């Protein structure tokens, strides 16, 4: 997914680099997992995955609104909304947001494929790559 970095925060206590980013589907915040720190206002291609395992029916719910969304609230809880494309036997699910698959680690009984779902994650990881 192509994103633009809008803010970079380095937490000296934890050593984590957190970024705020924007793209056509909204604004999000996540942990930067690249070797080099990102530069504010630059564009990057990233793979997105949830940092923790999420539970179907609690953290991942069905929605009737068939729009792609990336958002976060004041507590930095990230919302991802898209189409449930596939689920692997180990519980890893792939959510389509626009033309890009987002990796979501899950547990519990999955929702139906091809449905639109909303994912609430306390943290996402961003892995930069060269296209």
C-alpha atoms as a PDB file:
ATOM      1  CA  UNK A   1       0.000   0.000   0.000  1.00  0.00           C
ATOM      2  CA  UNK A   2       1.322   3.436  -0.855  1.00  0.00           C
ATOM      3  CA  UNK A   3       1.243   5.825   2.096  1.00  0.00           C
ATOM      4  CA  UNK A   4       2.525   9.282   2.956  1.00  0.00           C
ATOM      5  CA  UNK A   5       4.164   9.744   6.350  1.00  0.00           C
ATOM      6  CA  UNK A   6       2.595  12.732   8.140  1.00  0.00           C
ATOM      7  CA  UNK A   7       4.373  12.422  11.505  1.00  0.00           C
ATOM      8  CA  UNK A   8       7.229  10.402  13.030  1.00  0.00           C
ATOM      9  CA  UNK A   9       7.537   9.746  16.774  1.00  0.00           C
ATOM     10  CA  UNK A  10      10.489   7.885  18.263  1.00  0.00           C
ATOM     11  CA  UNK A  11       9.883   6.427  21.731  1.00  0.00           C
ATOM     12  CA  UNK A  12      13.283   6.355  23.453  1.00  0.00           C
ATOM     13  CA  UNK A  13      11.941   4.193  26.284  1.00  0.00           C
ATOM     14  CA  UNK A  14      10.748   1.363  24.023  1.00  0.00           C
ATOM     15  CA  UNK A  15      12.917   2.050  20.988  1.00  0.00           C
ATOM     16  CA  UNK A  16       9.841   1.987  18.722  1.00  0.00           C
ATOM     17  CA  UNK A  17       9.331   4.305  15.782  1.00  0.00           C
ATOM     18  CA  UNK A  18       5.648   5.162  15.455  1.00  0.00           C
ATOM     19  CA  UNK A  19       4.304   6.948  12.385  1.00  0.00           C
ATOM     20  CA  UNK A  20       1.112   8.656  11.405  1.00  0.00           C
ATOM     21  CA  UNK A  21       0.305   8.147   7.730  1.00  0.00           C
ATOM     22  CA  UNK A  22      -2.318   8.989   5.154  1.00  0.00           C
ATOM     23  CA  UNK A  23      -3.566   7.320   1.989  1.00  0.00           C
ATOM     24  CA  UNK A  24      -6.739   7.449  -0.131  1.00  0.00           C
ATOM     25  CA  UNK A  25      -8.658   5.409   2.488  1.00  0.00           C
ATOM     26  CA  UNK A  26      -7.916   7.597   5.498  1.00  0.00           C
ATOM     27  CA  UNK A  27      -5.326   8.268   8.172  1.00  0.00           C
ATOM     28  CA  UNK A  28      -3.688   5.681  10.408  1.00  0.00           C
ATOM     29  CA  UNK A  29      -0.935   5.158  12.922  1.00  0.00           C
ATOM     30  CA  UNK A  30       1.441   2.218  13.196  1.00  0.00           C
ATOM     31  CA  UNK A  31       4.845   0.933  14.169  1.00  0.00           C
ATOM     32  CA  UNK A  32       7.497   1.463  11.482  1.00  0.00           C
ATOM     33  CA  UNK A  33       9.391  -1.814  10.960  1.00  0.00           C
ATOM     34  CA  UNK A  34      11.951  -0.635   8.404  1.00  0.00           C
ATOM     35  CA  UNK A  35      15.708  -0.590   8.850  1.00  0.00           C
ATOM     36  CA  UNK A  36      15.958   3.145   8.199  1.00  0.00           C
ATOM     37  CA  UNK A  37      13.614   5.637   9.874  1.00  0.00           C
ATOM     38  CA  UNK A  38      11.019   7.185   7.557  1.00  0.00           C
ATOM     39  CA  UNK A  39      11.071  10.827   6.577  1.00  0.00           C
ATOM     40  CA  UNK A  40       8.094  13.038   7.221  1.00  0.00           C
ATOM     41  CA  UNK A  41       6.004  13.834   4.104  1.00  0.00           C
ATOM     42  CA  UNK A  42       7.730  11.159   1.997  1.00  0.00           C
ATOM     43  CA  UNK A  43       5.760   8.414   0.260  1.00  0.00           C
ATOM     44  CA  UNK A  44       6.464   4.725   0.911  1.00  0.00           C
ATOM     45  CA  UNK A  45       5.100   1.356  -0.133  1.00  0.00           C
ATOM     46  CA  UNK A  46       4.323  -0.765   2.931  1.00  0.00           C
ATOM     47  CA  UNK A  47       2.824  -4.088   3.871  1.00  0.00           C
ATOM     48  CA  UNK A  48       0.428  -3.788   6.802  1.00  0.00           C
ATOM     49  CA  UNK A  49      -0.241  -6.438   9.436  1.00  0.00           C
ATOM     50  CA  UNK A  50      -1.857  -6.437  12.845  1.00  0.00           C
ATOM     51  CA  UNK A  51       0.659  -6.722  15.679  1.00  0.00           C
ATOM     52  CA  UNK A  52      -1.528  -8.931  17.874  1.00  0.00           C
ATOM     53  CA  UNK A  53      -3.963 -11.793  17.368  1.00  0.00           C
ATOM     54  CA  UNK A  54      -7.542 -10.485  17.088  1.00  0.00           C
ATOM     55  CA  UNK A  55     -10.803 -12.276  17.905  1.00  0.00           C
ATOM     56  CA  UNK A  56     -13.618 -12.818  15.398  1.00  0.00           C
ATOM     57  CA  UNK A  57     -16.878 -11.243  16.588  1.00  0.00           C
ATOM     58  CA  UNK A  58     -15.082  -8.934  19.051  1.00  0.00           C
ATOM     59  CA  UNK A  59     -12.161  -7.226  17.320  1.00  0.00           C
ATOM     60  CA  UNK A  60     -13.339  -8.217  13.825  1.00  0.00           C
ATOM     61  CA  UNK A  61     -17.022  -7.638  13.032  1.00  0.00           C
ATOM     62  CA  UNK A  62     -19.297  -7.694   9.989  1.00  0.00           C
ATOM     63  CA  UNK A  63     -20.360  -4.348   8.518  1.00  0.00           C
ATOM     64  CA  UNK A  64     -23.002  -3.508   5.934  1.00  0.00           C
ATOM     65  CA  UNK A  65     -21.059  -0.429   4.795  1.00  0.00           C
ATOM     66  CA  UNK A  66     -18.974  -1.664   1.832  1.00  0.00           C
ATOM     67  CA  UNK A  67     -16.304   1.042   1.911  1.00  0.00           C
ATOM     68  CA  UNK A  68     -12.565   0.760   2.431  1.00  0.00           C
ATOM     69  CA  UNK A  69     -11.417   2.614   5.555  1.00  0.00           C
ATOM     70  CA  UNK A  70      -8.242   3.239   7.550  1.00  0.00           C
ATOM     71  CA  UNK A  71      -8.661   5.357  10.680  1.00  0.00           C
ATOM     72  CA  UNK A  72      -7.582   5.720  14.303  1.00  0.00           C
ATOM     73  CA  UNK A  73      -8.932   7.361  17.445  1.00  0.00           C
ATOM     74  CA  UNK A  74      -7.374   9.440  20.227  1.00  0.00           C
ATOM     75  CA  UNK A  75      -6.239   6.249  22.011  1.00  0.00           C
ATOM     76  CA  UNK A  76      -4.507   5.184  18.778  1.00  0.00           C
ATOM     77  CA  UNK A  77      -6.900   2.250  18.296  1.00  0.00           C
ATOM     78  CA  UNK A  78      -6.650   1.554  14.557  1.00  0.00           C
ATOM     79  CA  UNK A  79      -9.718   0.751  12.446  1.00  0.00           C
ATOM     80  CA  UNK A  80      -9.289  -1.127   9.167  1.00  0.00           C
ATOM     81  CA  UNK A  81     -12.312  -1.883   7.005  1.00  0.00           C
ATOM     82  CA  UNK A  82     -12.356  -3.987   3.882  1.00  0.00           C
ATOM     83  CA  UNK A  83     -13.392  -7.221   2.199  1.00  0.00           C
ATOM     84  CA  UNK A  84     -12.451 -10.554   3.794  1.00  0.00           C
ATOM     85  CA  UNK A  85     -10.518 -12.297   1.005  1.00  0.00           C
ATOM     86  CA  UNK A  86      -9.103 -15.455   2.590  1.00  0.00           C
ATOM     87  CA  UNK A  87      -8.335 -17.254   5.845  1.00  0.00           C
ATOM     88  CA  UNK A  88      -5.407 -19.634   6.316  1.00  0.00           C
ATOM     89  CA  UNK A  89      -5.576 -22.764   8.530  1.00  0.00           C
ATOM     90  CA  UNK A  90      -3.319 -21.038  11.097  1.00  0.00           C
ATOM     91  CA  UNK A  91      -5.878 -18.217  11.504  1.00  0.00           C
ATOM     92  CA  UNK A  92      -4.113 -15.601   9.382  1.00  0.00           C
ATOM     93  CA  UNK A  93      -6.720 -13.668   7.408  1.00  0.00           C
ATOM     94  CA  UNK A  94      -6.290 -11.312   4.471  1.00  0.00           C
ATOM     95  CA  UNK A  95      -8.468  -8.222   4.230  1.00  0.00           C
ATOM     96  CA  UNK A  96      -8.624  -6.375   0.912  1.00  0.00           C
ATOM     97  CA  UNK A  97      -8.438  -2.591   1.302  1.00  0.00           C
ATOM     98  CA  UNK A  98      -8.559  -1.057  -2.147  1.00  0.00           C
ATOM     99  CA  UNK A  99      -6.258  -3.270  -4.225  1.00  0.00           C
ATOM    100  CA  UNK A 100      -3.989  -4.263  -1.315  1.00  0.00           C
ATOM    101  CA  UNK A 101      -4.168  -7.194   1.103  1.00  0.00           C
ATOM    102  CA  UNK A 102      -3.690  -6.488   4.812  1.00  0.00           C
ATOM    103  CA  UNK A 103      -2.567  -9.371   7.051  1.00  0.00           C
ATOM    104  CA  UNK A 104      -4.648  -9.947  10.195  1.00  0.00           C
ATOM    105  CA  UNK A 105      -3.757 -12.567  12.824  1.00  0.00           C
ATOM    106  CA  UNK A 106      -7.014 -14.058  14.149  1.00  0.00           C
ATOM    107  CA  UNK A 107      -8.512 -16.535  16.590  1.00  0.00           C
ATOM    108  CA  UNK A 108     -12.011 -17.959  16.970  1.00  0.00           C
ATOM    109  CA  UNK A 109     -14.697 -18.820  14.442  1.00  0.00           C
ATOM    110  CA  UNK A 110     -14.175 -16.781  11.249  1.00  0.00           C
ATOM    111  CA  UNK A 111     -16.769 -14.681   9.489  1.00  0.00           C
ATOM    112  CA  UNK A 112     -17.884 -15.519   5.918  1.00  0.00           C
ATOM    113  CA  UNK A 113     -15.458 -14.907   3.061  1.00  0.00           C
ATOM    114  CA  UNK A 114     -16.245 -12.020   0.685  1.00  0.00           C
ATOM    115  CA  UNK A 115     -18.026 -10.090   3.457  1.00  0.00           C
ATOM    116  CA  UNK A 116     -17.007  -6.606   4.532  1.00  0.00           C
ATOM    117  CA  UNK A 117     -15.464  -6.498   7.984  1.00  0.00           C
ATOM    118  CA  UNK A 118     -14.235  -3.849  10.391  1.00  0.00           C
ATOM    119  CA  UNK A 119     -11.042  -4.632  12.303  1.00  0.00           C
ATOM    120  CA  UNK A 120     -10.117  -2.834  15.543  1.00  0.00           C
ATOM    121  CA  UNK A 121      -6.431  -3.261  16.415  1.00  0.00           C
ATOM    122  CA  UNK A 122      -4.450  -1.693  19.222  1.00  0.00           C
ATOM    123  CA  UNK A 123      -1.395  -1.670  16.961  1.00  0.00           C
ATOM    124  CA  UNK A 124      -0.413  -2.353  13.362  1.00  0.00           C
ATOM    125  CA  UNK A 125       3.037  -2.925  11.897  1.00  0.00           C
ATOM    126  CA  UNK A 126       4.218  -1.239   8.694  1.00  0.00           C
ATOM    127  CA  UNK A 127       6.900  -3.033   6.649  1.00  0.00           C
ATOM    128  CA  UNK A 128       8.368  -0.824   3.907  1.00  0.00           C
ATOM    129  CA  UNK A 129       9.419  -2.361   0.584  1.00  0.00           C
ATOM    130  CA  UNK A 130      10.600  -1.270  -2.843  1.00  0.00           C
ATOM    131  CA  UNK A 131       7.981  -2.076  -5.518  1.00  0.00           C
END
